[in-house]
């Protein structure tokens, strides 16, 4: 059949099923990530597709109407791309490959352009800019892009991934200070070795009165989940 947009029935059915199962937050891996195809959010670099945004607009409204919140991944996987979704950003930039996604200023600027277009989009059904939409719980920078890079060879260093995480987080926060920023680069996977004990994990509560802020700070990586009126981070501390 090939790539296509989901019907409203399919969207409603998926959200209704999640609601019936007791879900409160849904991670939508492909919602913010599509570039390089005719149906994509960004068919060509710097060119955005209004029809694709209409599909996202409906999903956001449908989730809101059901009291669900979304974690939106900004770059992930691509069935038609040789080097995953990130490959669309660097495929014309020479032999640097995956590591350049984290270090090349031109490629980083391309990704930031995609993020800017997404966050500053105004929902055609609700009139709310994505950067202001409370239905969105968090922006997730990627779907294990650091891990994908390491598995495909010529991977980046830990330091370059950490710097990239901070760079993307700072860019997102320059546009949107209302939503959480989630790191899913898997940079911690590069730190462990056979002679290194796994990093300890602990949990802590974010006070209800605390402002929502960046999920990953400094050298800590946190995955946040909704829990009642508060958010609970599962933090990994460096050894």
C-alpha atoms as a PDB file:
ATOM      1  CA  UNK A   1       0.000   0.000   0.000  1.00  0.00           C
ATOM      2  CA  UNK A   2       2.851   2.384   0.737  1.00  0.00           C
ATOM      3  CA  UNK A   3       2.887   5.457   3.015  1.00  0.00           C
ATOM      4  CA  UNK A   4      -0.474   7.067   3.711  1.00  0.00           C
ATOM      5  CA  UNK A   5      -2.202   9.225   6.281  1.00  0.00           C
ATOM      6  CA  UNK A   6      -4.342   7.420   8.857  1.00  0.00           C
ATOM      7  CA  UNK A   7      -8.084   7.916   8.652  1.00  0.00           C
ATOM      8  CA  UNK A   8      -9.914   9.739  11.440  1.00  0.00           C
ATOM      9  CA  UNK A   9     -11.465   6.412  12.372  1.00  0.00           C
ATOM     10  CA  UNK A  10      -8.032   4.851  12.826  1.00  0.00           C
ATOM     11  CA  UNK A  11      -6.846   7.753  14.965  1.00  0.00           C
ATOM     12  CA  UNK A  12     -10.012   7.704  17.081  1.00  0.00           C
ATOM     13  CA  UNK A  13      -9.898   3.933  17.469  1.00  0.00           C
ATOM     14  CA  UNK A  14      -6.266   3.970  18.629  1.00  0.00           C
ATOM     15  CA  UNK A  15      -6.874   6.762  21.134  1.00  0.00           C
ATOM     16  CA  UNK A  16     -10.106   5.202  22.400  1.00  0.00           C
ATOM     17  CA  UNK A  17      -8.298   1.896  22.903  1.00  0.00           C
ATOM     18  CA  UNK A  18      -5.492   3.596  24.836  1.00  0.00           C
ATOM     19  CA  UNK A  19      -8.077   5.398  26.951  1.00  0.00           C
ATOM     20  CA  UNK A  20      -9.911   2.150  27.704  1.00  0.00           C
ATOM     21  CA  UNK A  21      -6.617   0.586  28.818  1.00  0.00           C
ATOM     22  CA  UNK A  22      -6.105   3.383  31.320  1.00  0.00           C
ATOM     23  CA  UNK A  23      -3.472   5.340  29.425  1.00  0.00           C
ATOM     24  CA  UNK A  24      -2.951   8.980  30.260  1.00  0.00           C
ATOM     25  CA  UNK A  25       0.115   9.714  28.131  1.00  0.00           C
ATOM     26  CA  UNK A  26       0.938   8.376  24.657  1.00  0.00           C
ATOM     27  CA  UNK A  27       4.359   8.512  23.026  1.00  0.00           C
ATOM     28  CA  UNK A  28       3.796   9.245  19.349  1.00  0.00           C
ATOM     29  CA  UNK A  29       7.090   8.307  17.721  1.00  0.00           C
ATOM     30  CA  UNK A  30       6.306   9.430  14.176  1.00  0.00           C
ATOM     31  CA  UNK A  31       4.075  12.430  14.877  1.00  0.00           C
ATOM     32  CA  UNK A  32       6.805  15.073  14.772  1.00  0.00           C
ATOM     33  CA  UNK A  33       9.213  13.150  12.587  1.00  0.00           C
ATOM     34  CA  UNK A  34       8.707  13.095   8.864  1.00  0.00           C
ATOM     35  CA  UNK A  35      11.008  14.548   6.239  1.00  0.00           C
ATOM     36  CA  UNK A  36      11.954  13.720   2.687  1.00  0.00           C
ATOM     37  CA  UNK A  37       8.720  12.274   1.257  1.00  0.00           C
ATOM     38  CA  UNK A  38       5.675  13.725  -0.499  1.00  0.00           C
ATOM     39  CA  UNK A  39       3.373  13.080   2.488  1.00  0.00           C
ATOM     40  CA  UNK A  40       5.901  14.241   5.073  1.00  0.00           C
ATOM     41  CA  UNK A  41       5.722  17.315   7.293  1.00  0.00           C
ATOM     42  CA  UNK A  42       8.830  18.536   5.460  1.00  0.00           C
ATOM     43  CA  UNK A  43       8.913  16.999   1.953  1.00  0.00           C
ATOM     44  CA  UNK A  44      12.063  18.935   1.092  1.00  0.00           C
ATOM     45  CA  UNK A  45      14.461  20.733   3.384  1.00  0.00           C
ATOM     46  CA  UNK A  46      12.872  23.997   4.509  1.00  0.00           C
ATOM     47  CA  UNK A  47       9.533  23.291   2.776  1.00  0.00           C
ATOM     48  CA  UNK A  48       6.562  22.327   4.920  1.00  0.00           C
ATOM     49  CA  UNK A  49       3.396  20.486   3.948  1.00  0.00           C
ATOM     50  CA  UNK A  50       0.063  21.989   5.108  1.00  0.00           C
ATOM     51  CA  UNK A  51      -1.776  18.738   4.382  1.00  0.00           C
ATOM     52  CA  UNK A  52       0.534  16.786   6.674  1.00  0.00           C
ATOM     53  CA  UNK A  53      -0.016  19.328   9.436  1.00  0.00           C
ATOM     54  CA  UNK A  54      -3.794  18.851   9.096  1.00  0.00           C
ATOM     55  CA  UNK A  55      -3.299  15.209  10.074  1.00  0.00           C
ATOM     56  CA  UNK A  56      -1.315  16.212  13.168  1.00  0.00           C
ATOM     57  CA  UNK A  57      -3.872  18.886  14.033  1.00  0.00           C
ATOM     58  CA  UNK A  58      -6.584  16.248  14.165  1.00  0.00           C
ATOM     59  CA  UNK A  59      -4.535  13.907  16.349  1.00  0.00           C
ATOM     60  CA  UNK A  60      -3.833  16.690  18.855  1.00  0.00           C
ATOM     61  CA  UNK A  61      -7.483  17.715  19.068  1.00  0.00           C
ATOM     62  CA  UNK A  62      -8.647  14.104  19.326  1.00  0.00           C
ATOM     63  CA  UNK A  63      -6.185  13.427  22.142  1.00  0.00           C
ATOM     64  CA  UNK A  64      -7.246  16.594  23.946  1.00  0.00           C
ATOM     65  CA  UNK A  65     -10.917  15.669  23.666  1.00  0.00           C
ATOM     66  CA  UNK A  66     -10.133  12.375  25.446  1.00  0.00           C
ATOM     67  CA  UNK A  67      -7.996  13.899  28.166  1.00  0.00           C
ATOM     68  CA  UNK A  68      -4.829  12.286  26.801  1.00  0.00           C
ATOM     69  CA  UNK A  69      -1.404  13.886  26.540  1.00  0.00           C
ATOM     70  CA  UNK A  70       1.294  13.224  23.968  1.00  0.00           C
ATOM     71  CA  UNK A  71       5.062  12.848  23.878  1.00  0.00           C
ATOM     72  CA  UNK A  72       6.135  13.886  20.386  1.00  0.00           C
ATOM     73  CA  UNK A  73       9.359  12.510  18.855  1.00  0.00           C
ATOM     74  CA  UNK A  74      11.146  14.985  16.577  1.00  0.00           C
ATOM     75  CA  UNK A  75      13.263  12.570  14.537  1.00  0.00           C
ATOM     76  CA  UNK A  76      13.145   8.802  14.513  1.00  0.00           C
ATOM     77  CA  UNK A  77      12.932   6.026  11.977  1.00  0.00           C
ATOM     78  CA  UNK A  78      12.137   6.002   8.293  1.00  0.00           C
ATOM     79  CA  UNK A  79      11.132   2.880   6.373  1.00  0.00           C
ATOM     80  CA  UNK A  80      12.264   4.402   3.082  1.00  0.00           C
ATOM     81  CA  UNK A  81      15.566   5.920   4.301  1.00  0.00           C
ATOM     82  CA  UNK A  82      18.925   4.132   4.185  1.00  0.00           C
ATOM     83  CA  UNK A  83      20.135   5.586   7.482  1.00  0.00           C
ATOM     84  CA  UNK A  84      16.970   6.070   9.490  1.00  0.00           C
ATOM     85  CA  UNK A  85      15.183   9.424   9.735  1.00  0.00           C
ATOM     86  CA  UNK A  86      18.365  11.284  10.618  1.00  0.00           C
ATOM     87  CA  UNK A  87      19.826  10.293   7.260  1.00  0.00           C
ATOM     88  CA  UNK A  88      17.520  12.689   5.465  1.00  0.00           C
ATOM     89  CA  UNK A  89      19.345  15.577   7.116  1.00  0.00           C
ATOM     90  CA  UNK A  90      22.889  14.587   6.105  1.00  0.00           C
ATOM     91  CA  UNK A  91      22.582  12.438   2.967  1.00  0.00           C
ATOM     92  CA  UNK A  92      24.030  15.227   0.785  1.00  0.00           C
ATOM     93  CA  UNK A  93      26.807  16.242   3.207  1.00  0.00           C
ATOM     94  CA  UNK A  94      29.594  13.853   2.227  1.00  0.00           C
ATOM     95  CA  UNK A  95      31.083  10.813   3.905  1.00  0.00           C
ATOM     96  CA  UNK A  96      30.761  11.931   7.527  1.00  0.00           C
ATOM     97  CA  UNK A  97      27.627   9.884   8.023  1.00  0.00           C
ATOM     98  CA  UNK A  98      25.761   9.593  11.292  1.00  0.00           C
ATOM     99  CA  UNK A  99      28.326  11.357  13.443  1.00  0.00           C
ATOM    100  CA  UNK A 100      27.822  14.548  11.424  1.00  0.00           C
ATOM    101  CA  UNK A 101      24.205  14.678  12.556  1.00  0.00           C
ATOM    102  CA  UNK A 102      25.531  15.563  16.006  1.00  0.00           C
ATOM    103  CA  UNK A 103      28.405  17.843  15.017  1.00  0.00           C
ATOM    104  CA  UNK A 104      27.905  19.489  11.618  1.00  0.00           C
ATOM    105  CA  UNK A 105      26.457  23.018  12.146  1.00  0.00           C
ATOM    106  CA  UNK A 106      24.664  22.880   8.783  1.00  0.00           C
ATOM    107  CA  UNK A 107      22.917  19.615   9.640  1.00  0.00           C
ATOM    108  CA  UNK A 108      22.042  20.809  13.143  1.00  0.00           C
ATOM    109  CA  UNK A 109      20.566  23.980  11.631  1.00  0.00           C
ATOM    110  CA  UNK A 110      18.438  21.855   9.291  1.00  0.00           C
ATOM    111  CA  UNK A 111      17.067  19.892  12.225  1.00  0.00           C
ATOM    112  CA  UNK A 112      16.405  23.092  14.159  1.00  0.00           C
ATOM    113  CA  UNK A 113      14.494  24.444  11.153  1.00  0.00           C
ATOM    114  CA  UNK A 114      12.279  21.365  11.279  1.00  0.00           C
ATOM    115  CA  UNK A 115      11.726  21.818  15.014  1.00  0.00           C
ATOM    116  CA  UNK A 116      10.930  25.507  14.566  1.00  0.00           C
ATOM    117  CA  UNK A 117       8.358  24.754  11.868  1.00  0.00           C
ATOM    118  CA  UNK A 118       6.666  22.204  14.103  1.00  0.00           C
ATOM    119  CA  UNK A 119       6.601  24.223  17.330  1.00  0.00           C
ATOM    120  CA  UNK A 120       5.417  27.407  15.621  1.00  0.00           C
ATOM    121  CA  UNK A 121       2.625  25.703  13.693  1.00  0.00           C
ATOM    122  CA  UNK A 122      -0.898  26.901  14.553  1.00  0.00           C
ATOM    123  CA  UNK A 123      -3.455  24.112  14.821  1.00  0.00           C
ATOM    124  CA  UNK A 124      -6.111  24.655  12.159  1.00  0.00           C
ATOM    125  CA  UNK A 125      -8.799  23.047  14.347  1.00  0.00           C
ATOM    126  CA  UNK A 126      -8.080  24.623  17.737  1.00  0.00           C
ATOM    127  CA  UNK A 127      -6.195  27.818  16.884  1.00  0.00           C
ATOM    128  CA  UNK A 128      -3.465  26.855  19.380  1.00  0.00           C
ATOM    129  CA  UNK A 129       0.205  26.922  18.455  1.00  0.00           C
ATOM    130  CA  UNK A 130       1.917  23.598  19.134  1.00  0.00           C
ATOM    131  CA  UNK A 131       4.385  25.353  21.431  1.00  0.00           C
ATOM    132  CA  UNK A 132       1.412  26.434  23.582  1.00  0.00           C
ATOM    133  CA  UNK A 133      -0.710  23.290  23.393  1.00  0.00           C
ATOM    134  CA  UNK A 134      -1.190  21.648  26.820  1.00  0.00           C
ATOM    135  CA  UNK A 135      -2.050  18.357  25.108  1.00  0.00           C
ATOM    136  CA  UNK A 136       1.666  17.955  24.422  1.00  0.00           C
ATOM    137  CA  UNK A 137       3.539  16.738  27.493  1.00  0.00           C
ATOM    138  CA  UNK A 138       7.051  16.692  26.060  1.00  0.00           C
ATOM    139  CA  UNK A 139       9.185  17.053  22.972  1.00  0.00           C
ATOM    140  CA  UNK A 140      11.464  14.028  22.556  1.00  0.00           C
ATOM    141  CA  UNK A 141      14.610  14.880  20.613  1.00  0.00           C
ATOM    142  CA  UNK A 142      14.928  11.554  18.759  1.00  0.00           C
ATOM    143  CA  UNK A 143      14.289   7.834  18.807  1.00  0.00           C
ATOM    144  CA  UNK A 144      17.605   6.394  20.074  1.00  0.00           C
ATOM    145  CA  UNK A 145      19.522   8.290  17.391  1.00  0.00           C
ATOM    146  CA  UNK A 146      22.839   7.903  19.209  1.00  0.00           C
ATOM    147  CA  UNK A 147      22.365   4.158  19.424  1.00  0.00           C
ATOM    148  CA  UNK A 148      21.388   3.953  15.757  1.00  0.00           C
ATOM    149  CA  UNK A 149      24.526   5.895  14.861  1.00  0.00           C
ATOM    150  CA  UNK A 150      26.748   3.508  16.799  1.00  0.00           C
ATOM    151  CA  UNK A 151      25.202   0.433  15.164  1.00  0.00           C
ATOM    152  CA  UNK A 152      25.648   1.767  11.635  1.00  0.00           C
ATOM    153  CA  UNK A 153      29.345   2.493  12.029  1.00  0.00           C
ATOM    154  CA  UNK A 154      31.357   5.703  12.275  1.00  0.00           C
ATOM    155  CA  UNK A 155      29.407   6.699  15.333  1.00  0.00           C
ATOM    156  CA  UNK A 156      29.835   9.921  17.294  1.00  0.00           C
ATOM    157  CA  UNK A 157      31.631  10.319  20.620  1.00  0.00           C
ATOM    158  CA  UNK A 158      29.746  10.543  23.898  1.00  0.00           C
ATOM    159  CA  UNK A 159      30.804  14.170  24.285  1.00  0.00           C
ATOM    160  CA  UNK A 160      29.424  15.134  20.880  1.00  0.00           C
ATOM    161  CA  UNK A 161      26.066  13.489  21.624  1.00  0.00           C
ATOM    162  CA  UNK A 162      25.815  15.202  25.030  1.00  0.00           C
ATOM    163  CA  UNK A 163      26.646  18.564  23.446  1.00  0.00           C
ATOM    164  CA  UNK A 164      24.029  17.926  20.768  1.00  0.00           C
ATOM    165  CA  UNK A 165      21.410  17.077  23.412  1.00  0.00           C
ATOM    166  CA  UNK A 166      22.093  20.387  25.151  1.00  0.00           C
ATOM    167  CA  UNK A 167      22.124  22.330  21.869  1.00  0.00           C
ATOM    168  CA  UNK A 168      18.761  20.952  20.752  1.00  0.00           C
ATOM    169  CA  UNK A 169      17.291  21.421  24.218  1.00  0.00           C
ATOM    170  CA  UNK A 170      18.416  25.050  24.341  1.00  0.00           C
ATOM    171  CA  UNK A 171      16.928  25.665  20.898  1.00  0.00           C
ATOM    172  CA  UNK A 172      13.585  24.146  21.859  1.00  0.00           C
ATOM    173  CA  UNK A 173      13.505  26.162  25.075  1.00  0.00           C
ATOM    174  CA  UNK A 174      14.221  29.365  23.131  1.00  0.00           C
ATOM    175  CA  UNK A 175      10.856  28.828  21.400  1.00  0.00           C
ATOM    176  CA  UNK A 176       8.860  26.856  23.958  1.00  0.00           C
ATOM    177  CA  UNK A 177       9.355  27.190  27.701  1.00  0.00           C
ATOM    178  CA  UNK A 178       6.073  25.463  28.557  1.00  0.00           C
ATOM    179  CA  UNK A 179       6.778  21.858  27.665  1.00  0.00           C
ATOM    180  CA  UNK A 180       9.171  19.209  28.880  1.00  0.00           C
ATOM    181  CA  UNK A 181      12.198  18.326  26.793  1.00  0.00           C
ATOM    182  CA  UNK A 182      13.040  14.630  26.735  1.00  0.00           C
ATOM    183  CA  UNK A 183      16.372  13.165  25.711  1.00  0.00           C
ATOM    184  CA  UNK A 184      16.160   9.742  24.075  1.00  0.00           C
ATOM    185  CA  UNK A 185      19.544   9.761  22.348  1.00  0.00           C
ATOM    186  CA  UNK A 186      20.723   6.756  24.414  1.00  0.00           C
ATOM    187  CA  UNK A 187      24.066   8.445  25.023  1.00  0.00           C
ATOM    188  CA  UNK A 188      24.339   6.575  28.342  1.00  0.00           C
ATOM    189  CA  UNK A 189      24.678   3.334  26.381  1.00  0.00           C
ATOM    190  CA  UNK A 190      28.149   4.468  25.327  1.00  0.00           C
ATOM    191  CA  UNK A 191      29.337   5.061  28.895  1.00  0.00           C
ATOM    192  CA  UNK A 192      28.926   1.531  30.255  1.00  0.00           C
ATOM    193  CA  UNK A 193      31.535  -1.169  29.643  1.00  0.00           C
ATOM    194  CA  UNK A 194      32.123  -4.743  30.919  1.00  0.00           C
ATOM    195  CA  UNK A 195      34.234  -3.304  33.743  1.00  0.00           C
ATOM    196  CA  UNK A 196      31.733  -0.613  34.665  1.00  0.00           C
ATOM    197  CA  UNK A 197      28.809  -1.247  36.967  1.00  0.00           C
ATOM    198  CA  UNK A 198      25.419  -0.093  35.668  1.00  0.00           C
ATOM    199  CA  UNK A 199      24.559   3.428  36.756  1.00  0.00           C
ATOM    200  CA  UNK A 200      22.272   3.477  39.804  1.00  0.00           C
ATOM    201  CA  UNK A 201      18.689   4.570  39.314  1.00  0.00           C
ATOM    202  CA  UNK A 202      16.524   6.478  41.748  1.00  0.00           C
ATOM    203  CA  UNK A 203      13.207   8.261  41.630  1.00  0.00           C
ATOM    204  CA  UNK A 204      12.186  11.675  42.859  1.00  0.00           C
ATOM    205  CA  UNK A 205       9.073  13.775  42.742  1.00  0.00           C
ATOM    206  CA  UNK A 206       8.711  17.101  41.034  1.00  0.00           C
ATOM    207  CA  UNK A 207       6.716  19.363  43.374  1.00  0.00           C
ATOM    208  CA  UNK A 208       3.369  20.397  41.984  1.00  0.00           C
ATOM    209  CA  UNK A 209       4.402  24.041  42.194  1.00  0.00           C
ATOM    210  CA  UNK A 210       7.637  23.536  40.230  1.00  0.00           C
ATOM    211  CA  UNK A 211       7.753  24.853  36.657  1.00  0.00           C
ATOM    212  CA  UNK A 212       8.147  22.283  33.918  1.00  0.00           C
ATOM    213  CA  UNK A 213      11.676  22.410  32.595  1.00  0.00           C
ATOM    214  CA  UNK A 214      14.314  20.443  30.735  1.00  0.00           C
ATOM    215  CA  UNK A 215      14.267  16.740  31.474  1.00  0.00           C
ATOM    216  CA  UNK A 216      17.980  16.189  30.987  1.00  0.00           C
ATOM    217  CA  UNK A 217      20.261  18.588  32.820  1.00  0.00           C
ATOM    218  CA  UNK A 218      24.045  18.494  32.880  1.00  0.00           C
ATOM    219  CA  UNK A 219      25.135  14.853  32.793  1.00  0.00           C
ATOM    220  CA  UNK A 220      21.896  13.399  34.104  1.00  0.00           C
ATOM    221  CA  UNK A 221      19.348  11.707  31.943  1.00  0.00           C
ATOM    222  CA  UNK A 222      15.762  11.412  33.075  1.00  0.00           C
ATOM    223  CA  UNK A 223      12.683   9.762  31.660  1.00  0.00           C
ATOM    224  CA  UNK A 224       9.531  11.376  32.981  1.00  0.00           C
ATOM    225  CA  UNK A 225       6.185   9.674  33.349  1.00  0.00           C
ATOM    226  CA  UNK A 226       2.861  11.083  34.388  1.00  0.00           C
ATOM    227  CA  UNK A 227       1.791  10.066  37.887  1.00  0.00           C
ATOM    228  CA  UNK A 228      -1.262  11.773  39.305  1.00  0.00           C
ATOM    229  CA  UNK A 229      -0.862  15.539  39.626  1.00  0.00           C
ATOM    230  CA  UNK A 230       2.924  15.233  39.681  1.00  0.00           C
ATOM    231  CA  UNK A 231       5.704  14.012  37.451  1.00  0.00           C
ATOM    232  CA  UNK A 232       8.102  11.293  38.506  1.00  0.00           C
ATOM    233  CA  UNK A 233      11.570  11.257  36.944  1.00  0.00           C
ATOM    234  CA  UNK A 234      13.662   8.120  36.779  1.00  0.00           C
ATOM    235  CA  UNK A 235      17.167   9.508  36.962  1.00  0.00           C
ATOM    236  CA  UNK A 236      20.416   7.953  35.870  1.00  0.00           C
ATOM    237  CA  UNK A 237      23.446   9.356  37.677  1.00  0.00           C
ATOM    238  CA  UNK A 238      26.966   9.104  36.280  1.00  0.00           C
ATOM    239  CA  UNK A 239      29.176   6.659  38.231  1.00  0.00           C
END
